[in-house]
Amino acid sequence: MIRFLIRTAITALGVLLVAYLGLIQIKGFASGADITQTAFLTACLFSIVLGLVNAVIKPIVQVLALPITILTLGIFALIVNIGMFYLAAWIVPAVVPNPNLLLTGLAAIIVSVFSGMAGSVTKRG
C-alpha cells in the first residue's frame, strides 16, 4: 500500500510539472502558480486513472495496433501513449490536455518518465 501511494505521489508530481509548464491544464491550477492541495489531489486522481488505463486498455490497443507499429518502426506506440493520455483526461474532467498533439505528446512522455522513475524507486528488492 505504501509503494502504491509513493508511486501515485511521484507520478502526480510529474502531472503537476507538465501543468506548471503549461502542457496541460488542471482546473484551479494556473501555469506558474503555487501548488494547492486541490491541484495535487486532482493530479493524484489523474495519475491513478492513467495507471488504470495503461494497465487495462493500453495492452489491448497495442496488440491491435502491432502491425502499424511495426510498419512505422515503433513511432505509432507514441500515438497510442498519447491516446491513453487523452482517454485518462477525458475520464478526469478537471484535467484538460492541450489541443496541440505535439505538446500533449511531450506531456505524456514527461509523465511516463516520472511513472517509470516511480516504478524503479518502489520496486521490491
N, C-alpha and C. Protein backbone atom coordinates (compact mmCIF):
# COMPACT_ATOMS: atom_id res chain seq x y z
N MET A 1 0.82 -1.20 0.00
CA MET A 1 0.00 0.00 0.00
C MET A 1 0.86 1.26 0.00
N ILE A 2 1.95 1.21 0.76
CA ILE A 2 2.86 2.36 0.83
C ILE A 2 3.50 2.59 -0.54
N ARG A 3 3.90 1.50 -1.22
CA ARG A 3 4.51 1.64 -2.55
C ARG A 3 3.53 2.26 -3.53
N PHE A 4 2.27 1.87 -3.45
CA PHE A 4 1.25 2.44 -4.33
C PHE A 4 1.12 3.94 -4.10
N LEU A 5 1.10 4.35 -2.84
CA LEU A 5 0.97 5.78 -2.53
C LEU A 5 2.19 6.56 -2.99
N ILE A 6 3.37 5.98 -2.84
CA ILE A 6 4.59 6.66 -3.29
C ILE A 6 4.60 6.79 -4.80
N ARG A 7 4.23 5.71 -5.50
CA ARG A 7 4.17 5.76 -6.97
C ARG A 7 3.16 6.80 -7.44
N THR A 8 2.01 6.84 -6.78
CA THR A 8 0.98 7.81 -7.15
C THR A 8 1.47 9.23 -6.92
N ALA A 9 2.14 9.47 -5.80
CA ALA A 9 2.63 10.81 -5.49
C ALA A 9 3.71 11.25 -6.47
N ILE A 10 4.62 10.36 -6.85
CA ILE A 10 5.68 10.72 -7.79
C ILE A 10 5.09 10.99 -9.17
N THR A 11 4.16 10.15 -9.61
CA THR A 11 3.51 10.39 -10.90
C THR A 11 2.69 11.68 -10.87
N ALA A 12 2.05 11.95 -9.74
CA ALA A 12 1.30 13.21 -9.60
C ALA A 12 2.22 14.41 -9.69
N LEU A 13 3.43 14.29 -9.18
CA LEU A 13 4.40 15.38 -9.32
C LEU A 13 4.75 15.61 -10.79
N GLY A 14 4.83 14.53 -11.56
CA GLY A 14 5.05 14.67 -13.00
C GLY A 14 3.88 15.36 -13.68
N VAL A 15 2.67 15.02 -13.26
CA VAL A 15 1.48 15.67 -13.82
C VAL A 15 1.48 17.15 -13.45
N LEU A 16 1.83 17.47 -12.22
CA LEU A 16 1.90 18.87 -11.81
C LEU A 16 3.00 19.62 -12.56
N LEU A 17 4.09 18.94 -12.87
CA LEU A 17 5.16 19.59 -13.63
C LEU A 17 4.68 19.96 -15.03
N VAL A 18 3.99 19.04 -15.71
CA VAL A 18 3.52 19.37 -17.06
C VAL A 18 2.42 20.43 -17.00
N ALA A 19 1.65 20.46 -15.91
CA ALA A 19 0.66 21.53 -15.75
C ALA A 19 1.35 22.86 -15.48
N TYR A 20 2.42 22.82 -14.70
CA TYR A 20 3.18 24.04 -14.40
C TYR A 20 3.82 24.59 -15.67
N LEU A 21 4.29 23.69 -16.55
CA LEU A 21 4.89 24.11 -17.81
C LEU A 21 3.86 24.57 -18.83
N GLY A 22 2.59 24.31 -18.57
CA GLY A 22 1.53 24.73 -19.47
C GLY A 22 1.21 23.73 -20.57
N LEU A 23 1.70 22.49 -20.45
CA LEU A 23 1.42 21.48 -21.47
C LEU A 23 0.02 20.90 -21.31
N ILE A 24 -0.51 20.90 -20.08
CA ILE A 24 -1.90 20.53 -19.82
C ILE A 24 -2.44 21.57 -18.84
N GLN A 25 -3.75 21.54 -18.63
CA GLN A 25 -4.37 22.43 -17.67
C GLN A 25 -5.10 21.61 -16.61
N ILE A 26 -4.87 21.97 -15.37
CA ILE A 26 -5.64 21.41 -14.26
C ILE A 26 -6.52 22.53 -13.76
N LYS A 27 -7.82 22.29 -13.73
CA LYS A 27 -8.74 23.34 -13.30
C LYS A 27 -8.43 23.75 -11.87
N GLY A 28 -8.27 25.04 -11.66
CA GLY A 28 -7.92 25.56 -10.35
C GLY A 28 -6.42 25.70 -10.14
N PHE A 29 -5.63 25.39 -11.17
CA PHE A 29 -4.17 25.49 -11.07
C PHE A 29 -3.66 26.13 -12.35
N ALA A 30 -3.13 27.32 -12.22
CA ALA A 30 -2.63 28.05 -13.39
C ALA A 30 -1.15 27.74 -13.61
N SER A 31 -0.72 27.88 -14.83
CA SER A 31 0.68 27.66 -15.17
C SER A 31 1.55 28.66 -14.42
N GLY A 32 2.52 28.17 -13.68
CA GLY A 32 3.42 29.02 -12.92
C GLY A 32 2.92 29.40 -11.55
N ALA A 33 1.76 28.88 -11.14
CA ALA A 33 1.18 29.24 -9.83
C ALA A 33 1.67 28.28 -8.75
N ASP A 34 1.37 28.62 -7.51
CA ASP A 34 1.70 27.75 -6.39
C ASP A 34 0.80 26.52 -6.42
N ILE A 35 1.34 25.40 -5.95
CA ILE A 35 0.60 24.15 -5.93
C ILE A 35 -0.36 24.15 -4.74
N THR A 36 -1.62 23.91 -5.01
CA THR A 36 -2.62 23.83 -3.95
C THR A 36 -2.93 22.36 -3.65
N GLN A 37 -3.60 22.15 -2.54
CA GLN A 37 -3.98 20.79 -2.17
C GLN A 37 -4.95 20.20 -3.19
N THR A 38 -5.86 21.02 -3.69
CA THR A 38 -6.83 20.55 -4.68
C THR A 38 -6.14 20.14 -5.96
N ALA A 39 -5.15 20.92 -6.40
CA ALA A 39 -4.41 20.58 -7.61
C ALA A 39 -3.64 19.28 -7.43
N PHE A 40 -3.04 19.09 -6.25
CA PHE A 40 -2.29 17.86 -6.00
C PHE A 40 -3.22 16.66 -5.96
N LEU A 41 -4.39 16.79 -5.33
CA LEU A 41 -5.35 15.68 -5.29
C LEU A 41 -5.88 15.36 -6.68
N THR A 42 -6.10 16.40 -7.49
CA THR A 42 -6.54 16.17 -8.87
C THR A 42 -5.45 15.46 -9.66
N ALA A 43 -4.20 15.86 -9.45
CA ALA A 43 -3.09 15.19 -10.13
C ALA A 43 -2.96 13.74 -9.66
N CYS A 44 -3.19 13.48 -8.38
CA CYS A 44 -3.18 12.11 -7.87
C CYS A 44 -4.28 11.27 -8.51
N LEU A 45 -5.48 11.83 -8.59
CA LEU A 45 -6.59 11.13 -9.23
C LEU A 45 -6.27 10.84 -10.70
N PHE A 46 -5.72 11.82 -11.38
CA PHE A 46 -5.36 11.64 -12.79
C PHE A 46 -4.29 10.56 -12.94
N SER A 47 -3.32 10.53 -12.04
CA SER A 47 -2.26 9.53 -12.15
C SER A 47 -2.81 8.12 -11.87
N ILE A 48 -3.76 8.00 -10.96
CA ILE A 48 -4.39 6.69 -10.71
C ILE A 48 -5.18 6.25 -11.93
N VAL A 49 -5.97 7.15 -12.50
CA VAL A 49 -6.76 6.80 -13.69
C VAL A 49 -5.83 6.47 -14.85
N LEU A 50 -4.76 7.23 -15.02
CA LEU A 50 -3.81 6.97 -16.10
C LEU A 50 -3.15 5.60 -15.91
N GLY A 51 -2.82 5.27 -14.68
CA GLY A 51 -2.26 3.95 -14.41
C GLY A 51 -3.23 2.82 -14.72
N LEU A 52 -4.50 3.02 -14.37
CA LEU A 52 -5.51 2.00 -14.68
C LEU A 52 -5.72 1.86 -16.19
N VAL A 53 -5.76 3.00 -16.89
CA VAL A 53 -5.93 2.97 -18.34
C VAL A 53 -4.74 2.26 -18.98
N ASN A 54 -3.54 2.58 -18.51
CA ASN A 54 -2.35 1.95 -19.07
C ASN A 54 -2.26 0.47 -18.74
N ALA A 55 -2.84 0.06 -17.63
CA ALA A 55 -2.79 -1.35 -17.24
C ALA A 55 -3.86 -2.19 -17.91
N VAL A 56 -5.02 -1.60 -18.20
CA VAL A 56 -6.14 -2.38 -18.71
C VAL A 56 -6.34 -2.20 -20.22
N ILE A 57 -6.39 -0.98 -20.68
CA ILE A 57 -6.76 -0.72 -22.07
C ILE A 57 -5.55 -0.69 -23.00
N LYS A 58 -4.45 -0.15 -22.55
CA LYS A 58 -3.28 0.04 -23.42
C LYS A 58 -2.73 -1.28 -23.99
N PRO A 59 -2.63 -2.37 -23.22
CA PRO A 59 -2.13 -3.62 -23.82
C PRO A 59 -3.01 -4.13 -24.96
N ILE A 60 -4.32 -3.97 -24.82
CA ILE A 60 -5.24 -4.41 -25.87
C ILE A 60 -5.02 -3.58 -27.13
N VAL A 61 -4.92 -2.27 -26.96
CA VAL A 61 -4.71 -1.38 -28.10
C VAL A 61 -3.36 -1.64 -28.75
N GLN A 62 -2.34 -1.91 -27.95
CA GLN A 62 -1.01 -2.18 -28.51
C GLN A 62 -1.00 -3.45 -29.35
N VAL A 63 -1.71 -4.48 -28.90
CA VAL A 63 -1.77 -5.71 -29.68
C VAL A 63 -2.52 -5.48 -30.99
N LEU A 64 -3.62 -4.74 -30.92
CA LEU A 64 -4.38 -4.45 -32.14
C LEU A 64 -3.60 -3.56 -33.11
N ALA A 65 -2.76 -2.68 -32.57
CA ALA A 65 -2.00 -1.75 -33.41
C ALA A 65 -0.61 -2.28 -33.75
N LEU A 66 -0.32 -3.53 -33.44
CA LEU A 66 1.01 -4.07 -33.67
C LEU A 66 1.46 -3.99 -35.13
N PRO A 67 0.62 -4.32 -36.10
CA PRO A 67 1.10 -4.22 -37.50
C PRO A 67 1.52 -2.81 -37.90
N ILE A 68 0.72 -1.81 -37.54
CA ILE A 68 1.09 -0.44 -37.90
C ILE A 68 2.29 0.05 -37.08
N THR A 69 2.43 -0.46 -35.86
CA THR A 69 3.60 -0.11 -35.06
C THR A 69 4.87 -0.68 -35.69
N ILE A 70 4.79 -1.88 -36.21
CA ILE A 70 5.94 -2.47 -36.90
C ILE A 70 6.26 -1.69 -38.17
N LEU A 71 5.23 -1.34 -38.93
CA LEU A 71 5.45 -0.59 -40.18
C LEU A 71 6.07 0.78 -39.92
N THR A 72 5.72 1.41 -38.82
CA THR A 72 6.26 2.75 -38.52
C THR A 72 7.49 2.69 -37.63
N LEU A 73 8.04 1.49 -37.45
CA LEU A 73 9.24 1.27 -36.64
C LEU A 73 9.08 1.77 -35.21
N GLY A 74 7.88 1.62 -34.65
CA GLY A 74 7.63 1.93 -33.25
C GLY A 74 7.10 3.32 -32.97
N ILE A 75 7.05 4.17 -33.97
CA ILE A 75 6.57 5.54 -33.75
C ILE A 75 5.09 5.54 -33.37
N PHE A 76 4.33 4.59 -33.88
CA PHE A 76 2.90 4.56 -33.57
C PHE A 76 2.65 4.26 -32.09
N ALA A 77 3.61 3.68 -31.41
CA ALA A 77 3.47 3.43 -29.97
C ALA A 77 3.33 4.75 -29.22
N LEU A 78 3.98 5.80 -29.72
CA LEU A 78 3.82 7.12 -29.11
C LEU A 78 2.40 7.64 -29.30
N ILE A 79 1.82 7.38 -30.46
CA ILE A 79 0.43 7.79 -30.71
C ILE A 79 -0.52 7.05 -29.76
N VAL A 80 -0.24 5.78 -29.52
CA VAL A 80 -1.06 5.01 -28.57
C VAL A 80 -0.93 5.61 -27.17
N ASN A 81 0.30 5.99 -26.79
CA ASN A 81 0.53 6.60 -25.47
C ASN A 81 -0.22 7.93 -25.35
N ILE A 82 -0.20 8.73 -26.40
CA ILE A 82 -0.94 9.99 -26.39
C ILE A 82 -2.43 9.74 -26.29
N GLY A 83 -2.91 8.72 -26.98
CA GLY A 83 -4.33 8.37 -26.91
C GLY A 83 -4.75 7.96 -25.51
N MET A 84 -3.90 7.22 -24.82
CA MET A 84 -4.21 6.82 -23.44
C MET A 84 -4.22 8.04 -22.52
N PHE A 85 -3.33 9.00 -22.80
CA PHE A 85 -3.30 10.24 -22.03
C PHE A 85 -4.59 11.02 -22.23
N TYR A 86 -5.05 11.12 -23.49
CA TYR A 86 -6.32 11.80 -23.77
C TYR A 86 -7.50 11.07 -23.12
N LEU A 87 -7.48 9.73 -23.15
CA LEU A 87 -8.56 8.96 -22.54
C LEU A 87 -8.63 9.20 -21.04
N ALA A 88 -7.47 9.19 -20.39
CA ALA A 88 -7.44 9.46 -18.94
C ALA A 88 -7.92 10.88 -18.64
N ALA A 89 -7.55 11.83 -19.51
CA ALA A 89 -8.01 13.21 -19.31
C ALA A 89 -9.51 13.32 -19.55
N TRP A 90 -10.05 12.50 -20.43
CA TRP A 90 -11.49 12.52 -20.67
C TRP A 90 -12.24 11.96 -19.44
N ILE A 91 -11.65 10.96 -18.79
CA ILE A 91 -12.27 10.37 -17.61
C ILE A 91 -12.21 11.34 -16.43
N VAL A 92 -11.10 12.08 -16.29
CA VAL A 92 -10.95 13.07 -15.22
C VAL A 92 -11.17 14.45 -15.84
N PRO A 93 -12.37 14.99 -15.74
CA PRO A 93 -12.67 16.24 -16.45
C PRO A 93 -11.94 17.46 -15.92
N ALA A 94 -11.30 17.37 -14.76
CA ALA A 94 -10.57 18.52 -14.22
C ALA A 94 -9.22 18.70 -14.91
N VAL A 95 -8.80 17.71 -15.70
CA VAL A 95 -7.55 17.78 -16.45
C VAL A 95 -7.88 17.99 -17.91
N VAL A 96 -7.35 19.06 -18.49
CA VAL A 96 -7.63 19.39 -19.89
C VAL A 96 -6.31 19.34 -20.66
N PRO A 97 -6.17 18.36 -21.57
CA PRO A 97 -4.94 18.31 -22.34
C PRO A 97 -4.90 19.41 -23.38
N ASN A 98 -3.70 19.73 -23.82
CA ASN A 98 -3.51 20.75 -24.84
C ASN A 98 -4.05 20.21 -26.16
N PRO A 99 -4.76 21.03 -26.94
CA PRO A 99 -5.25 20.53 -28.23
C PRO A 99 -4.12 20.25 -29.22
N ASN A 100 -2.94 20.82 -28.98
CA ASN A 100 -1.79 20.55 -29.84
C ASN A 100 -1.27 19.16 -29.53
N LEU A 101 -1.25 18.28 -30.53
CA LEU A 101 -0.87 16.89 -30.34
C LEU A 101 0.60 16.76 -29.90
N LEU A 102 1.47 17.61 -30.39
CA LEU A 102 2.88 17.53 -30.02
C LEU A 102 3.10 17.91 -28.56
N LEU A 103 2.40 18.94 -28.10
CA LEU A 103 2.55 19.33 -26.69
C LEU A 103 1.98 18.26 -25.75
N THR A 104 0.86 17.66 -26.16
CA THR A 104 0.30 16.58 -25.35
C THR A 104 1.22 15.37 -25.38
N GLY A 105 1.86 15.12 -26.52
CA GLY A 105 2.85 14.04 -26.59
C GLY A 105 4.02 14.28 -25.67
N LEU A 106 4.49 15.52 -25.62
CA LEU A 106 5.58 15.86 -24.70
C LEU A 106 5.13 15.67 -23.25
N ALA A 107 3.90 16.07 -22.95
CA ALA A 107 3.36 15.88 -21.59
C ALA A 107 3.28 14.40 -21.25
N ALA A 108 2.83 13.58 -22.20
CA ALA A 108 2.73 12.14 -21.97
C ALA A 108 4.10 11.52 -21.75
N ILE A 109 5.10 11.99 -22.47
CA ILE A 109 6.46 11.47 -22.30
C ILE A 109 7.00 11.84 -20.92
N ILE A 110 6.80 13.08 -20.51
CA ILE A 110 7.30 13.52 -19.20
C ILE A 110 6.63 12.74 -18.08
N VAL A 111 5.30 12.56 -18.17
CA VAL A 111 4.59 11.80 -17.13
C VAL A 111 5.04 10.34 -17.15
N SER A 112 5.32 9.78 -18.33
CA SER A 112 5.80 8.40 -18.41
C SER A 112 7.17 8.25 -17.77
N VAL A 113 8.03 9.25 -17.94
CA VAL A 113 9.35 9.21 -17.29
C VAL A 113 9.19 9.24 -15.77
N PHE A 114 8.32 10.10 -15.28
CA PHE A 114 8.08 10.15 -13.83
C PHE A 114 7.48 8.84 -13.33
N SER A 115 6.58 8.26 -14.11
CA SER A 115 5.97 6.99 -13.72
C SER A 115 7.02 5.87 -13.71
N GLY A 116 7.90 5.88 -14.69
CA GLY A 116 8.98 4.89 -14.71
C GLY A 116 9.93 5.04 -13.55
N MET A 117 10.26 6.29 -13.22
CA MET A 117 11.12 6.54 -12.05
C MET A 117 10.42 6.06 -10.78
N ALA A 118 9.13 6.30 -10.68
CA ALA A 118 8.38 5.86 -9.51
C ALA A 118 8.38 4.34 -9.41
N GLY A 119 8.26 3.68 -10.54
CA GLY A 119 8.30 2.22 -10.54
C GLY A 119 9.65 1.67 -10.11
N SER A 120 10.72 2.33 -10.58
CA SER A 120 12.04 1.83 -10.19
C SER A 120 12.38 2.13 -8.74
N VAL A 121 11.84 3.24 -8.21
CA VAL A 121 12.08 3.58 -6.81
C VAL A 121 11.33 2.64 -5.88
N THR A 122 10.15 2.22 -6.29
CA THR A 122 9.30 1.43 -5.39
C THR A 122 9.31 -0.06 -5.66
N LYS A 123 10.13 -0.54 -6.59
CA LYS A 123 10.12 -1.99 -6.87
C LYS A 123 10.73 -2.76 -5.71
N ARG A 124 10.28 -3.98 -5.60
CA ARG A 124 10.77 -4.83 -4.50
C ARG A 124 12.18 -5.29 -4.82
N GLY A 125 12.99 -5.34 -3.78
CA GLY A 125 14.40 -5.67 -3.88
C GLY A 125 14.63 -7.02 -4.41
